[in-house]
Amino acid sequence: EPQEIIARTYRNKDATRGEIGTFVWMVEE
């Protein structure tokens, strides 16, 4: 459920950022 909510909310931003960019943000967190 939360994964689907996050995907719906941020899918476009995440896709634009890409896997590596998203991973870098996760590492920062």
mmCIF file of all heavy atoms, coordinates in Angstrom:
data_MODEL
# 
_entry.id   MODEL 
# 
loop_
_atom_site.group_PDB 
_atom_site.id 
_atom_site.type_symbol 
_atom_site.label_atom_id 
_atom_site.label_alt_id 
_atom_site.label_comp_id 
_atom_site.label_asym_id 
_atom_site.label_entity_id 
_atom_site.label_seq_id 
_atom_site.pdbx_PDB_ins_code 
_atom_site.Cartn_x 
_atom_site.Cartn_y 
_atom_site.Cartn_z 
_atom_site.occupancy 
_atom_site.B_iso_or_equiv 
_atom_site.pdbx_formal_charge 
_atom_site.auth_seq_id 
_atom_site.auth_comp_id 
_atom_site.auth_asym_id 
_atom_site.auth_atom_id 
_atom_site.pdbx_PDB_model_num 
ATOM 1   N N   . GLU A 1 1  ? 0.811  -1.221 0.000   1.00 0.00 ? 1  GLU A N   1 
ATOM 2   C CA  . GLU A 1 1  ? 0.000  0.000  0.000   1.00 0.00 ? 1  GLU A CA  1 
ATOM 3   C C   . GLU A 1 1  ? 0.846  1.273  0.000   1.00 0.00 ? 1  GLU A C   1 
ATOM 4   O O   . GLU A 1 1  ? 0.639  2.136  -0.863  1.00 0.00 ? 1  GLU A O   1 
ATOM 5   C CB  . GLU A 1 1  ? -0.977 -0.017 1.178   1.00 0.00 ? 1  GLU A CB  1 
ATOM 6   C CG  . GLU A 1 1  ? -2.012 -1.115 1.047   1.00 0.00 ? 1  GLU A CG  1 
ATOM 7   C CD  . GLU A 1 1  ? -2.826 -1.308 2.311   1.00 0.00 ? 1  GLU A CD  1 
ATOM 8   O OE1 . GLU A 1 1  ? -3.063 -0.323 3.038   1.00 0.00 ? 1  GLU A OE1 1 
ATOM 9   O OE2 . GLU A 1 1  ? -3.229 -2.456 2.575   1.00 0.00 ? 1  GLU A OE2 1 
ATOM 10  N N   . PRO A 1 2  ? 1.786  1.435  0.950   1.00 0.00 ? 2  PRO A N   1 
ATOM 11  C CA  . PRO A 1 2  ? 2.577  2.673  0.886   1.00 0.00 ? 2  PRO A CA  1 
ATOM 12  C C   . PRO A 1 2  ? 3.464  2.733  -0.362  1.00 0.00 ? 2  PRO A C   1 
ATOM 13  O O   . PRO A 1 2  ? 3.694  3.826  -0.903  1.00 0.00 ? 2  PRO A O   1 
ATOM 14  C CB  . PRO A 1 2  ? 3.408  2.659  2.160   1.00 0.00 ? 2  PRO A CB  1 
ATOM 15  C CG  . PRO A 1 2  ? 3.343  1.274  2.685   1.00 0.00 ? 2  PRO A CG  1 
ATOM 16  C CD  . PRO A 1 2  ? 2.082  0.671  2.152   1.00 0.00 ? 2  PRO A CD  1 
ATOM 17  N N   . GLN A 1 3  ? 3.928  1.581  -0.848  1.00 0.00 ? 3  GLN A N   1 
ATOM 18  C CA  . GLN A 1 3  ? 4.734  1.595  -2.069  1.00 0.00 ? 3  GLN A CA  1 
ATOM 19  C C   . GLN A 1 3  ? 3.898  2.117  -3.237  1.00 0.00 ? 3  GLN A C   1 
ATOM 20  O O   . GLN A 1 3  ? 4.382  2.927  -4.037  1.00 0.00 ? 3  GLN A O   1 
ATOM 21  C CB  . GLN A 1 3  ? 5.291  0.207  -2.383  1.00 0.00 ? 3  GLN A CB  1 
ATOM 22  C CG  . GLN A 1 3  ? 6.187  0.235  -3.626  1.00 0.00 ? 3  GLN A CG  1 
ATOM 23  C CD  . GLN A 1 3  ? 6.822  -1.099 -3.955  1.00 0.00 ? 3  GLN A CD  1 
ATOM 24  O OE1 . GLN A 1 3  ? 6.586  -2.103 -3.288  1.00 0.00 ? 3  GLN A OE1 1 
ATOM 25  N NE2 . GLN A 1 3  ? 7.626  -1.111 -4.990  1.00 0.00 ? 3  GLN A NE2 1 
ATOM 26  N N   . GLU A 1 4  ? 2.663  1.693  -3.332  1.00 0.00 ? 4  GLU A N   1 
ATOM 27  C CA  . GLU A 1 4  ? 1.790  2.160  -4.413  1.00 0.00 ? 4  GLU A CA  1 
ATOM 28  C C   . GLU A 1 4  ? 1.492  3.653  -4.283  1.00 0.00 ? 4  GLU A C   1 
ATOM 29  O O   . GLU A 1 4  ? 1.453  4.371  -5.283  1.00 0.00 ? 4  GLU A O   1 
ATOM 30  C CB  . GLU A 1 4  ? 0.496  1.351  -4.438  1.00 0.00 ? 4  GLU A CB  1 
ATOM 31  C CG  . GLU A 1 4  ? 0.701  -0.071 -4.926  1.00 0.00 ? 4  GLU A CG  1 
ATOM 32  C CD  . GLU A 1 4  ? -0.534 -0.949 -4.789  1.00 0.00 ? 4  GLU A CD  1 
ATOM 33  O OE1 . GLU A 1 4  ? -1.501 -0.544 -4.091  1.00 0.00 ? 4  GLU A OE1 1 
ATOM 34  O OE2 . GLU A 1 4  ? -0.529 -2.043 -5.371  1.00 0.00 ? 4  GLU A OE2 1 
ATOM 35  N N   . ILE A 1 5  ? 1.291  4.121  -3.057  1.00 0.00 ? 5  ILE A N   1 
ATOM 36  C CA  . ILE A 1 5  ? 1.037  5.554  -2.835  1.00 0.00 ? 5  ILE A CA  1 
ATOM 37  C C   . ILE A 1 5  ? 2.249  6.380  -3.258  1.00 0.00 ? 5  ILE A C   1 
ATOM 38  O O   . ILE A 1 5  ? 2.118  7.392  -3.956  1.00 0.00 ? 5  ILE A O   1 
ATOM 39  C CB  . ILE A 1 5  ? 0.665  5.825  -1.362  1.00 0.00 ? 5  ILE A CB  1 
ATOM 40  C CG1 . ILE A 1 5  ? -0.695 5.219  -1.046  1.00 0.00 ? 5  ILE A CG1 1 
ATOM 41  C CG2 . ILE A 1 5  ? 0.689  7.323  -1.058  1.00 0.00 ? 5  ILE A CG2 1 
ATOM 42  C CD1 . ILE A 1 5  ? -1.018 5.155  0.439   1.00 0.00 ? 5  ILE A CD1 1 
ATOM 43  N N   . ILE A 1 6  ? 3.428  5.943  -2.828  1.00 0.00 ? 6  ILE A N   1 
ATOM 44  C CA  . ILE A 1 6  ? 4.663  6.651  -3.202  1.00 0.00 ? 6  ILE A CA  1 
ATOM 45  C C   . ILE A 1 6  ? 4.826  6.641  -4.719  1.00 0.00 ? 6  ILE A C   1 
ATOM 46  O O   . ILE A 1 6  ? 5.166  7.666  -5.333  1.00 0.00 ? 6  ILE A O   1 
ATOM 47  C CB  . ILE A 1 6  ? 5.896  6.018  -2.508  1.00 0.00 ? 6  ILE A CB  1 
ATOM 48  C CG1 . ILE A 1 6  ? 5.826  6.192  -0.997  1.00 0.00 ? 6  ILE A CG1 1 
ATOM 49  C CG2 . ILE A 1 6  ? 7.198  6.555  -3.079  1.00 0.00 ? 6  ILE A CG2 1 
ATOM 50  C CD1 . ILE A 1 6  ? 5.980  7.610  -0.506  1.00 0.00 ? 6  ILE A CD1 1 
ATOM 51  N N   . ALA A 1 7  ? 4.576  5.490  -5.348  1.00 0.00 ? 7  ALA A N   1 
ATOM 52  C CA  . ALA A 1 7  ? 4.721  5.388  -6.804  1.00 0.00 ? 7  ALA A CA  1 
ATOM 53  C C   . ALA A 1 7  ? 3.761  6.336  -7.516  1.00 0.00 ? 7  ALA A C   1 
ATOM 54  O O   . ALA A 1 7  ? 4.161  7.054  -8.442  1.00 0.00 ? 7  ALA A O   1 
ATOM 55  C CB  . ALA A 1 7  ? 4.489  3.949  -7.260  1.00 0.00 ? 7  ALA A CB  1 
ATOM 56  N N   . ARG A 1 8  ? 2.509  6.372  -7.101  1.00 0.00 ? 8  ARG A N   1 
ATOM 57  C CA  . ARG A 1 8  ? 1.529  7.262  -7.736  1.00 0.00 ? 8  ARG A CA  1 
ATOM 58  C C   . ARG A 1 8  ? 1.919  8.730  -7.561  1.00 0.00 ? 8  ARG A C   1 
ATOM 59  O O   . ARG A 1 8  ? 1.773  9.531  -8.469  1.00 0.00 ? 8  ARG A O   1 
ATOM 60  C CB  . ARG A 1 8  ? 0.138  7.037  -7.139  1.00 0.00 ? 8  ARG A CB  1 
ATOM 61  C CG  . ARG A 1 8  ? -0.592 5.847  -7.688  1.00 0.00 ? 8  ARG A CG  1 
ATOM 62  C CD  . ARG A 1 8  ? -2.073 5.886  -7.339  1.00 0.00 ? 8  ARG A CD  1 
ATOM 63  N NE  . ARG A 1 8  ? -2.334 6.109  -5.925  1.00 0.00 ? 8  ARG A NE  1 
ATOM 64  C CZ  . ARG A 1 8  ? -2.470 5.139  -5.017  1.00 0.00 ? 8  ARG A CZ  1 
ATOM 65  N NH1 . ARG A 1 8  ? -2.348 3.874  -5.372  1.00 0.00 ? 8  ARG A NH1 1 
ATOM 66  N NH2 . ARG A 1 8  ? -2.733 5.426  -3.763  1.00 0.00 ? 8  ARG A NH2 1 
ATOM 67  N N   . THR A 1 9  ? 2.414  9.050  -6.377  1.00 0.00 ? 9  THR A N   1 
ATOM 68  C CA  . THR A 1 9  ? 2.718  10.443 -6.053  1.00 0.00 ? 9  THR A CA  1 
ATOM 69  C C   . THR A 1 9  ? 3.988  10.932 -6.743  1.00 0.00 ? 9  THR A C   1 
ATOM 70  O O   . THR A 1 9  ? 4.042  12.073 -7.207  1.00 0.00 ? 9  THR A O   1 
ATOM 71  C CB  . THR A 1 9  ? 2.862  10.601 -4.521  1.00 0.00 ? 9  THR A CB  1 
ATOM 72  O OG1 . THR A 1 9  ? 1.666  10.131 -3.899  1.00 0.00 ? 9  THR A OG1 1 
ATOM 73  C CG2 . THR A 1 9  ? 3.105  12.042 -4.137  1.00 0.00 ? 9  THR A CG2 1 
ATOM 74  N N   . TYR A 1 10 ? 5.009  10.094 -6.810  1.00 0.00 ? 10 TYR A N   1 
ATOM 75  C CA  . TYR A 1 10 ? 6.327  10.548 -7.257  1.00 0.00 ? 10 TYR A CA  1 
ATOM 76  C C   . TYR A 1 10 ? 6.836  9.889  -8.544  1.00 0.00 ? 10 TYR A C   1 
ATOM 77  O O   . TYR A 1 10 ? 7.972  10.128 -8.935  1.00 0.00 ? 10 TYR A O   1 
ATOM 78  C CB  . TYR A 1 10 ? 7.358  10.325 -6.140  1.00 0.00 ? 10 TYR A CB  1 
ATOM 79  C CG  . TYR A 1 10 ? 7.046  11.119 -4.910  1.00 0.00 ? 10 TYR A CG  1 
ATOM 80  C CD1 . TYR A 1 10 ? 6.518  10.504 -3.779  1.00 0.00 ? 10 TYR A CD1 1 
ATOM 81  C CD2 . TYR A 1 10 ? 7.234  12.492 -4.880  1.00 0.00 ? 10 TYR A CD2 1 
ATOM 82  C CE1 . TYR A 1 10 ? 6.214  11.232 -2.643  1.00 0.00 ? 10 TYR A CE1 1 
ATOM 83  C CE2 . TYR A 1 10 ? 6.922  13.232 -3.751  1.00 0.00 ? 10 TYR A CE2 1 
ATOM 84  C CZ  . TYR A 1 10 ? 6.413  12.595 -2.640  1.00 0.00 ? 10 TYR A CZ  1 
ATOM 85  O OH  . TYR A 1 10 ? 6.105  13.321 -1.527  1.00 0.00 ? 10 TYR A OH  1 
ATOM 86  N N   . ARG A 1 11 ? 6.019  9.082  -9.201  1.00 0.00 ? 11 ARG A N   1 
ATOM 87  C CA  . ARG A 1 11 ? 6.462  8.330  -10.377 1.00 0.00 ? 11 ARG A CA  1 
ATOM 88  C C   . ARG A 1 11 ? 7.142  9.214  -11.428 1.00 0.00 ? 11 ARG A C   1 
ATOM 89  O O   . ARG A 1 11 ? 8.221  8.896  -11.912 1.00 0.00 ? 11 ARG A O   1 
ATOM 90  C CB  . ARG A 1 11 ? 5.298  7.589  -11.015 1.00 0.00 ? 11 ARG A CB  1 
ATOM 91  C CG  . ARG A 1 11 ? 5.710  6.717  -12.184 1.00 0.00 ? 11 ARG A CG  1 
ATOM 92  C CD  . ARG A 1 11 ? 4.527  5.974  -12.808 1.00 0.00 ? 11 ARG A CD  1 
ATOM 93  N NE  . ARG A 1 11 ? 3.577  5.464  -11.857 1.00 0.00 ? 11 ARG A NE  1 
ATOM 94  C CZ  . ARG A 1 11 ? 3.637  4.259  -11.273 1.00 0.00 ? 11 ARG A CZ  1 
ATOM 95  N NH1 . ARG A 1 11 ? 4.624  3.453  -11.546 1.00 0.00 ? 11 ARG A NH1 1 
ATOM 96  N NH2 . ARG A 1 11 ? 2.697  3.880  -10.429 1.00 0.00 ? 11 ARG A NH2 1 
ATOM 97  N N   . ASN A 1 12 ? 6.540  10.335 -11.781 1.00 0.00 ? 12 ASN A N   1 
ATOM 98  C CA  . ASN A 1 12 ? 7.120  11.200 -12.819 1.00 0.00 ? 12 ASN A CA  1 
ATOM 99  C C   . ASN A 1 12 ? 8.449  11.793 -12.384 1.00 0.00 ? 12 ASN A C   1 
ATOM 100 O O   . ASN A 1 12 ? 9.418  11.801 -13.150 1.00 0.00 ? 12 ASN A O   1 
ATOM 101 C CB  . ASN A 1 12 ? 6.143  12.299 -13.219 1.00 0.00 ? 12 ASN A CB  1 
ATOM 102 C CG  . ASN A 1 12 ? 4.938  11.746 -13.963 1.00 0.00 ? 12 ASN A CG  1 
ATOM 103 O OD1 . ASN A 1 12 ? 4.991  10.665 -14.540 1.00 0.00 ? 12 ASN A OD1 1 
ATOM 104 N ND2 . ASN A 1 12 ? 3.840  12.479 -13.934 1.00 0.00 ? 12 ASN A ND2 1 
ATOM 105 N N   . LYS A 1 13 ? 8.505  12.311 -11.162 1.00 0.00 ? 13 LYS A N   1 
ATOM 106 C CA  . LYS A 1 13 ? 9.771  12.872 -10.658 1.00 0.00 ? 13 LYS A CA  1 
ATOM 107 C C   . LYS A 1 13 ? 10.850 11.797 -10.573 1.00 0.00 ? 13 LYS A C   1 
ATOM 108 O O   . LYS A 1 13 ? 12.002 12.026 -10.931 1.00 0.00 ? 13 LYS A O   1 
ATOM 109 C CB  . LYS A 1 13 ? 9.577  13.501 -9.279  1.00 0.00 ? 13 LYS A CB  1 
ATOM 110 C CG  . LYS A 1 13 ? 8.883  14.830 -9.297  1.00 0.00 ? 13 LYS A CG  1 
ATOM 111 C CD  . LYS A 1 13 ? 8.834  15.411 -7.900  1.00 0.00 ? 13 LYS A CD  1 
ATOM 112 C CE  . LYS A 1 13 ? 8.161  16.756 -7.908  1.00 0.00 ? 13 LYS A CE  1 
ATOM 113 N NZ  . LYS A 1 13 ? 8.138  17.370 -6.585  1.00 0.00 ? 13 LYS A NZ  1 
ATOM 114 N N   . ASP A 1 14 ? 10.466 10.621 -10.079 1.00 0.00 ? 14 ASP A N   1 
ATOM 115 C CA  . ASP A 1 14 ? 11.437 9.525  -9.946  1.00 0.00 ? 14 ASP A CA  1 
ATOM 116 C C   . ASP A 1 14 ? 11.939 9.084  -11.312 1.00 0.00 ? 14 ASP A C   1 
ATOM 117 O O   . ASP A 1 14 ? 13.140 8.854  -11.489 1.00 0.00 ? 14 ASP A O   1 
ATOM 118 C CB  . ASP A 1 14 ? 10.823 8.338  -9.200  1.00 0.00 ? 14 ASP A CB  1 
ATOM 119 C CG  . ASP A 1 14 ? 10.543 8.635  -7.736  1.00 0.00 ? 14 ASP A CG  1 
ATOM 120 O OD1 . ASP A 1 14 ? 11.161 9.571  -7.188  1.00 0.00 ? 14 ASP A OD1 1 
ATOM 121 O OD2 . ASP A 1 14 ? 9.722  7.926  -7.142  1.00 0.00 ? 14 ASP A OD2 1 
ATOM 122 N N   . ALA A 1 15 ? 11.044 8.987  -12.279 1.00 0.00 ? 15 ALA A N   1 
ATOM 123 C CA  . ALA A 1 15 ? 11.448 8.562  -13.623 1.00 0.00 ? 15 ALA A CA  1 
ATOM 124 C C   . ALA A 1 15 ? 12.388 9.591  -14.244 1.00 0.00 ? 15 ALA A C   1 
ATOM 125 O O   . ALA A 1 15 ? 13.379 9.227  -14.884 1.00 0.00 ? 15 ALA A O   1 
ATOM 126 C CB  . ALA A 1 15 ? 10.222 8.355  -14.504 1.00 0.00 ? 15 ALA A CB  1 
ATOM 127 N N   . THR A 1 16 ? 12.109 10.868 -14.034 1.00 0.00 ? 16 THR A N   1 
ATOM 128 C CA  . THR A 1 16 ? 12.979 11.918 -14.555 1.00 0.00 ? 16 THR A CA  1 
ATOM 129 C C   . THR A 1 16 ? 14.346 11.873 -13.885 1.00 0.00 ? 16 THR A C   1 
ATOM 130 O O   . THR A 1 16 ? 15.385 12.019 -14.537 1.00 0.00 ? 16 THR A O   1 
ATOM 131 C CB  . THR A 1 16 ? 12.327 13.307 -14.344 1.00 0.00 ? 16 THR A CB  1 
ATOM 132 O OG1 . THR A 1 16 ? 11.082 13.333 -15.042 1.00 0.00 ? 16 THR A OG1 1 
ATOM 133 C CG2 . THR A 1 16 ? 13.218 14.420 -14.840 1.00 0.00 ? 16 THR A CG2 1 
ATOM 134 N N   . ARG A 1 17 ? 14.358 11.658 -12.580 1.00 0.00 ? 17 ARG A N   1 
ATOM 135 C CA  . ARG A 1 17 ? 15.598 11.597 -11.807 1.00 0.00 ? 17 ARG A CA  1 
ATOM 136 C C   . ARG A 1 17 ? 16.394 10.343 -12.169 1.00 0.00 ? 17 ARG A C   1 
ATOM 137 O O   . ARG A 1 17 ? 17.609 10.342 -12.151 1.00 0.00 ? 17 ARG A O   1 
ATOM 138 C CB  . ARG A 1 17 ? 15.249 11.603 -10.314 1.00 0.00 ? 17 ARG A CB  1 
ATOM 139 C CG  . ARG A 1 17 ? 16.404 11.633 -9.375  1.00 0.00 ? 17 ARG A CG  1 
ATOM 140 C CD  . ARG A 1 17 ? 15.986 11.590 -7.916  1.00 0.00 ? 17 ARG A CD  1 
ATOM 141 N NE  . ARG A 1 17 ? 14.941 12.529 -7.568  1.00 0.00 ? 17 ARG A NE  1 
ATOM 142 C CZ  . ARG A 1 17 ? 13.674 12.213 -7.346  1.00 0.00 ? 17 ARG A CZ  1 
ATOM 143 N NH1 . ARG A 1 17 ? 13.258 10.967 -7.435  1.00 0.00 ? 17 ARG A NH1 1 
ATOM 144 N NH2 . ARG A 1 17 ? 12.806 13.139 -7.023  1.00 0.00 ? 17 ARG A NH2 1 
ATOM 145 N N   . GLY A 1 18 ? 15.686 9.251  -12.454 1.00 0.00 ? 18 GLY A N   1 
ATOM 146 C CA  . GLY A 1 18 ? 16.318 7.988  -12.812 1.00 0.00 ? 18 GLY A CA  1 
ATOM 147 C C   . GLY A 1 18 ? 16.723 7.179  -11.591 1.00 0.00 ? 18 GLY A C   1 
ATOM 148 O O   . GLY A 1 18 ? 16.655 7.644  -10.447 1.00 0.00 ? 18 GLY A O   1 
ATOM 149 N N   . GLU A 1 19 ? 17.153 5.957  -11.863 1.00 0.00 ? 19 GLU A N   1 
ATOM 150 C CA  . GLU A 1 19 ? 17.502 5.032  -10.783 1.00 0.00 ? 19 GLU A CA  1 
ATOM 151 C C   . GLU A 1 19 ? 18.694 5.525  -9.968  1.00 0.00 ? 19 GLU A C   1 
ATOM 152 O O   . GLU A 1 19 ? 18.661 5.490  -8.734  1.00 0.00 ? 19 GLU A O   1 
ATOM 153 C CB  . GLU A 1 19 ? 17.816 3.651  -11.344 1.00 0.00 ? 19 GLU A CB  1 
ATOM 154 C CG  . GLU A 1 19 ? 16.622 2.965  -11.930 1.00 0.00 ? 19 GLU A CG  1 
ATOM 155 C CD  . GLU A 1 19 ? 16.985 1.680  -12.631 1.00 0.00 ? 19 GLU A CD  1 
ATOM 156 O OE1 . GLU A 1 19 ? 18.152 1.239  -12.575 1.00 0.00 ? 19 GLU A OE1 1 
ATOM 157 O OE2 . GLU A 1 19 ? 16.070 1.100  -13.247 1.00 0.00 ? 19 GLU A OE2 1 
ATOM 158 N N   . ILE A 1 20 ? 19.734 5.964  -10.642 1.00 0.00 ? 20 ILE A N   1 
ATOM 159 C CA  . ILE A 1 20 ? 20.936 6.402  -9.917  1.00 0.00 ? 20 ILE A CA  1 
ATOM 160 C C   . ILE A 1 20 ? 20.635 7.646  -9.092  1.00 0.00 ? 20 ILE A C   1 
ATOM 161 O O   . ILE A 1 20 ? 21.012 7.729  -7.917  1.00 0.00 ? 20 ILE A O   1 
ATOM 162 C CB  . ILE A 1 20 ? 22.111 6.645  -10.889 1.00 0.00 ? 20 ILE A CB  1 
ATOM 163 C CG1 . ILE A 1 20 ? 22.488 5.354  -11.608 1.00 0.00 ? 20 ILE A CG1 1 
ATOM 164 C CG2 . ILE A 1 20 ? 23.301 7.248  -10.159 1.00 0.00 ? 20 ILE A CG2 1 
ATOM 165 C CD1 . ILE A 1 20 ? 22.914 4.222  -10.693 1.00 0.00 ? 20 ILE A CD1 1 
ATOM 166 N N   . GLY A 1 21 ? 19.939 8.607  -9.672  1.00 0.00 ? 21 GLY A N   1 
ATOM 167 C CA  . GLY A 1 21 ? 19.578 9.815  -8.925  1.00 0.00 ? 21 GLY A CA  1 
ATOM 168 C C   . GLY A 1 21 ? 18.717 9.503  -7.723  1.00 0.00 ? 21 GLY A C   1 
ATOM 169 O O   . GLY A 1 21 ? 18.896 10.065 -6.638  1.00 0.00 ? 21 GLY A O   1 
ATOM 170 N N   . THR A 1 22 ? 17.772 8.594  -7.886  1.00 0.00 ? 22 THR A N   1 
ATOM 171 C CA  . THR A 1 22 ? 16.900 8.194  -6.777  1.00 0.00 ? 22 THR A CA  1 
ATOM 172 C C   . THR A 1 22 ? 17.706 7.472  -5.706  1.00 0.00 ? 22 THR A C   1 
ATOM 173 O O   . THR A 1 22 ? 17.524 7.710  -4.503  1.00 0.00 ? 22 THR A O   1 
ATOM 174 C CB  . THR A 1 22 ? 15.751 7.313  -7.304  1.00 0.00 ? 22 THR A CB  1 
ATOM 175 O OG1 . THR A 1 22 ? 15.003 8.069  -8.271  1.00 0.00 ? 22 THR A OG1 1 
ATOM 176 C CG2 . THR A 1 22 ? 14.832 6.863  -6.188  1.00 0.00 ? 22 THR A CG2 1 
ATOM 177 N N   . PHE A 1 23 ? 18.623 6.620  -6.139  1.00 0.00 ? 23 PHE A N   1 
ATOM 178 C CA  . PHE A 1 23 ? 19.480 5.912  -5.192  1.00 0.00 ? 23 PHE A CA  1 
ATOM 179 C C   . PHE A 1 23 ? 20.339 6.898  -4.395  1.00 0.00 ? 23 PHE A C   1 
ATOM 180 O O   . PHE A 1 23 ? 20.484 6.767  -3.170  1.00 0.00 ? 23 PHE A O   1 
ATOM 181 C CB  . PHE A 1 23 ? 20.370 4.903  -5.923  1.00 0.00 ? 23 PHE A CB  1 
ATOM 182 C CG  . PHE A 1 23 ? 21.314 4.178  -5.006  1.00 0.00 ? 23 PHE A CG  1 
ATOM 183 C CD1 . PHE A 1 23 ? 20.860 3.182  -4.166  1.00 0.00 ? 23 PHE A CD1 1 
ATOM 184 C CD2 . PHE A 1 23 ? 22.663 4.504  -4.975  1.00 0.00 ? 23 PHE A CD2 1 
ATOM 185 C CE1 . PHE A 1 23 ? 21.729 2.514  -3.312  1.00 0.00 ? 23 PHE A CE1 1 
ATOM 186 C CE2 . PHE A 1 23 ? 23.540 3.839  -4.130  1.00 0.00 ? 23 PHE A CE2 1 
ATOM 187 C CZ  . PHE A 1 23 ? 23.071 2.846  -3.298  1.00 0.00 ? 23 PHE A CZ  1 
ATOM 188 N N   . VAL A 1 24 ? 20.889 7.900  -5.058  1.00 0.00 ? 24 VAL A N   1 
ATOM 189 C CA  . VAL A 1 24 ? 21.718 8.896  -4.373  1.00 0.00 ? 24 VAL A CA  1 
ATOM 190 C C   . VAL A 1 24 ? 20.905 9.625  -3.309  1.00 0.00 ? 24 VAL A C   1 
ATOM 191 O O   . VAL A 1 24 ? 21.379 9.844  -2.186  1.00 0.00 ? 24 VAL A O   1 
ATOM 192 C CB  . VAL A 1 24 ? 22.340 9.877  -5.393  1.00 0.00 ? 24 VAL A CB  1 
ATOM 193 C CG1 . VAL A 1 24 ? 22.955 11.081 -4.704  1.00 0.00 ? 24 VAL A CG1 1 
ATOM 194 C CG2 . VAL A 1 24 ? 23.372 9.160  -6.257  1.00 0.00 ? 24 VAL A CG2 1 
ATOM 195 N N   . TRP A 1 25 ? 19.667 9.990  -3.628  1.00 0.00 ? 25 TRP A N   1 
ATOM 196 C CA  . TRP A 1 25 ? 18.816 10.634 -2.628  1.00 0.00 ? 25 TRP A CA  1 
ATOM 197 C C   . TRP A 1 25 ? 18.549 9.708  -1.449  1.00 0.00 ? 25 TRP A C   1 
ATOM 198 O O   . TRP A 1 25 ? 18.543 10.145 -0.292  1.00 0.00 ? 25 TRP A O   1 
ATOM 199 C CB  . TRP A 1 25 ? 17.488 11.075 -3.258  1.00 0.00 ? 25 TRP A CB  1 
ATOM 200 C CG  . TRP A 1 25 ? 17.580 12.410 -3.921  1.00 0.00 ? 25 TRP A CG  1 
ATOM 201 C CD1 . TRP A 1 25 ? 17.731 12.652 -5.257  1.00 0.00 ? 25 TRP A CD1 1 
ATOM 202 C CD2 . TRP A 1 25 ? 17.539 13.690 -3.289  1.00 0.00 ? 25 TRP A CD2 1 
ATOM 203 N NE1 . TRP A 1 25 ? 17.789 13.997 -5.481  1.00 0.00 ? 25 TRP A NE1 1 
ATOM 204 C CE2 . TRP A 1 25 ? 17.662 14.662 -4.283  1.00 0.00 ? 25 TRP A CE2 1 
ATOM 205 C CE3 . TRP A 1 25 ? 17.402 14.095 -1.966  1.00 0.00 ? 25 TRP A CE3 1 
ATOM 206 C CZ2 . TRP A 1 25 ? 17.655 16.021 -4.017  1.00 0.00 ? 25 TRP A CZ2 1 
ATOM 207 C CZ3 . TRP A 1 25 ? 17.389 15.461 -1.705  1.00 0.00 ? 25 TRP A CZ3 1 
ATOM 208 C CH2 . TRP A 1 25 ? 17.524 16.406 -2.709  1.00 0.00 ? 25 TRP A CH2 1 
ATOM 209 N N   . MET A 1 26 ? 18.322 8.426  -1.731  1.00 0.00 ? 26 MET A N   1 
ATOM 210 C CA  . MET A 1 26 ? 18.085 7.471  -0.651  1.00 0.00 ? 26 MET A CA  1 
ATOM 211 C C   . MET A 1 26 ? 19.315 7.378  0.256   1.00 0.00 ? 26 MET A C   1 
ATOM 212 O O   . MET A 1 26 ? 19.188 7.370  1.486   1.00 0.00 ? 26 MET A O   1 
ATOM 213 C CB  . MET A 1 26 ? 17.737 6.088  -1.198  1.00 0.00 ? 26 MET A CB  1 
ATOM 214 C CG  . MET A 1 26 ? 17.358 5.099  -0.107  1.00 0.00 ? 26 MET A CG  1 
ATOM 215 S SD  . MET A 1 26 ? 17.082 3.432  -0.696  1.00 0.00 ? 26 MET A SD  1 
ATOM 216 C CE  . MET A 1 26 ? 18.763 2.903  -0.974  1.00 0.00 ? 26 MET A CE  1 
ATOM 217 N N   . VAL A 1 27 ? 20.496 7.330  -0.347  1.00 0.00 ? 27 VAL A N   1 
ATOM 218 C CA  . VAL A 1 27 ? 21.731 7.252  0.448   1.00 0.00 ? 27 VAL A CA  1 
ATOM 219 C C   . VAL A 1 27 ? 21.885 8.495  1.316   1.00 0.00 ? 27 VAL A C   1 
ATOM 220 O O   . VAL A 1 27 ? 22.298 8.402  2.477   1.00 0.00 ? 27 VAL A O   1 
ATOM 221 C CB  . VAL A 1 27 ? 22.952 7.033  -0.470  1.00 0.00 ? 27 VAL A CB  1 
ATOM 222 C CG1 . VAL A 1 27 ? 24.248 7.205  0.286   1.00 0.00 ? 27 VAL A CG1 1 
ATOM 223 C CG2 . VAL A 1 27 ? 22.884 5.656  -1.114  1.00 0.00 ? 27 VAL A CG2 1 
ATOM 224 N N   . GLU A 1 28 ? 21.528 9.653  0.780   1.00 0.00 ? 28 GLU A N   1 
ATOM 225 C CA  . GLU A 1 28 ? 21.579 10.881 1.589   1.00 0.00 ? 28 GLU A CA  1 
ATOM 226 C C   . GLU A 1 28 ? 20.665 10.761 2.800   1.00 0.00 ? 28 GLU A C   1 
ATOM 227 O O   . GLU A 1 28 ? 21.034 11.152 3.912   1.00 0.00 ? 28 GLU A O   1 
ATOM 228 C CB  . GLU A 1 28 ? 21.172 12.078 0.740   1.00 0.00 ? 28 GLU A CB  1 
ATOM 229 C CG  . GLU A 1 28 ? 21.263 13.384 1.498   1.00 0.00 ? 28 GLU A CG  1 
ATOM 230 C CD  . GLU A 1 28 ? 20.958 14.585 0.631   1.00 0.00 ? 28 GLU A CD  1 
ATOM 231 O OE1 . GLU A 1 28 ? 21.349 14.588 -0.549  1.00 0.00 ? 28 GLU A OE1 1 
ATOM 232 O OE2 . GLU A 1 28 ? 20.327 15.526 1.153   1.00 0.00 ? 28 GLU A OE2 1 
ATOM 233 N N   . GLU A 1 29 ? 19.473 10.215 2.590   1.00 0.00 ? 29 GLU A N   1 
ATOM 234 C CA  . GLU A 1 29 ? 18.543 10.028 3.711   1.00 0.00 ? 29 GLU A CA  1 
ATOM 235 C C   . GLU A 1 29 ? 19.078 9.015  4.720   1.00 0.00 ? 29 GLU A C   1 
ATOM 236 O O   . GLU A 1 29 ? 18.871 9.174  5.924   1.00 0.00 ? 29 GLU A O   1 
ATOM 237 C CB  . GLU A 1 29 ? 17.170 9.606  3.208   1.00 0.00 ? 29 GLU A CB  1 
ATOM 238 C CG  . GLU A 1 29 ? 16.445 10.673 2.417   1.00 0.00 ? 29 GLU A CG  1 
ATOM 239 C CD  . GLU A 1 29 ? 16.157 11.932 3.223   1.00 0.00 ? 29 GLU A CD  1 
ATOM 240 O OE1 . GLU A 1 29 ? 16.113 11.893 4.472   1.00 0.00 ? 29 GLU A OE1 1 
ATOM 241 O OE2 . GLU A 1 29 ? 15.971 12.980 2.588   1.00 0.00 ? 29 GLU A OE2 1 
# 
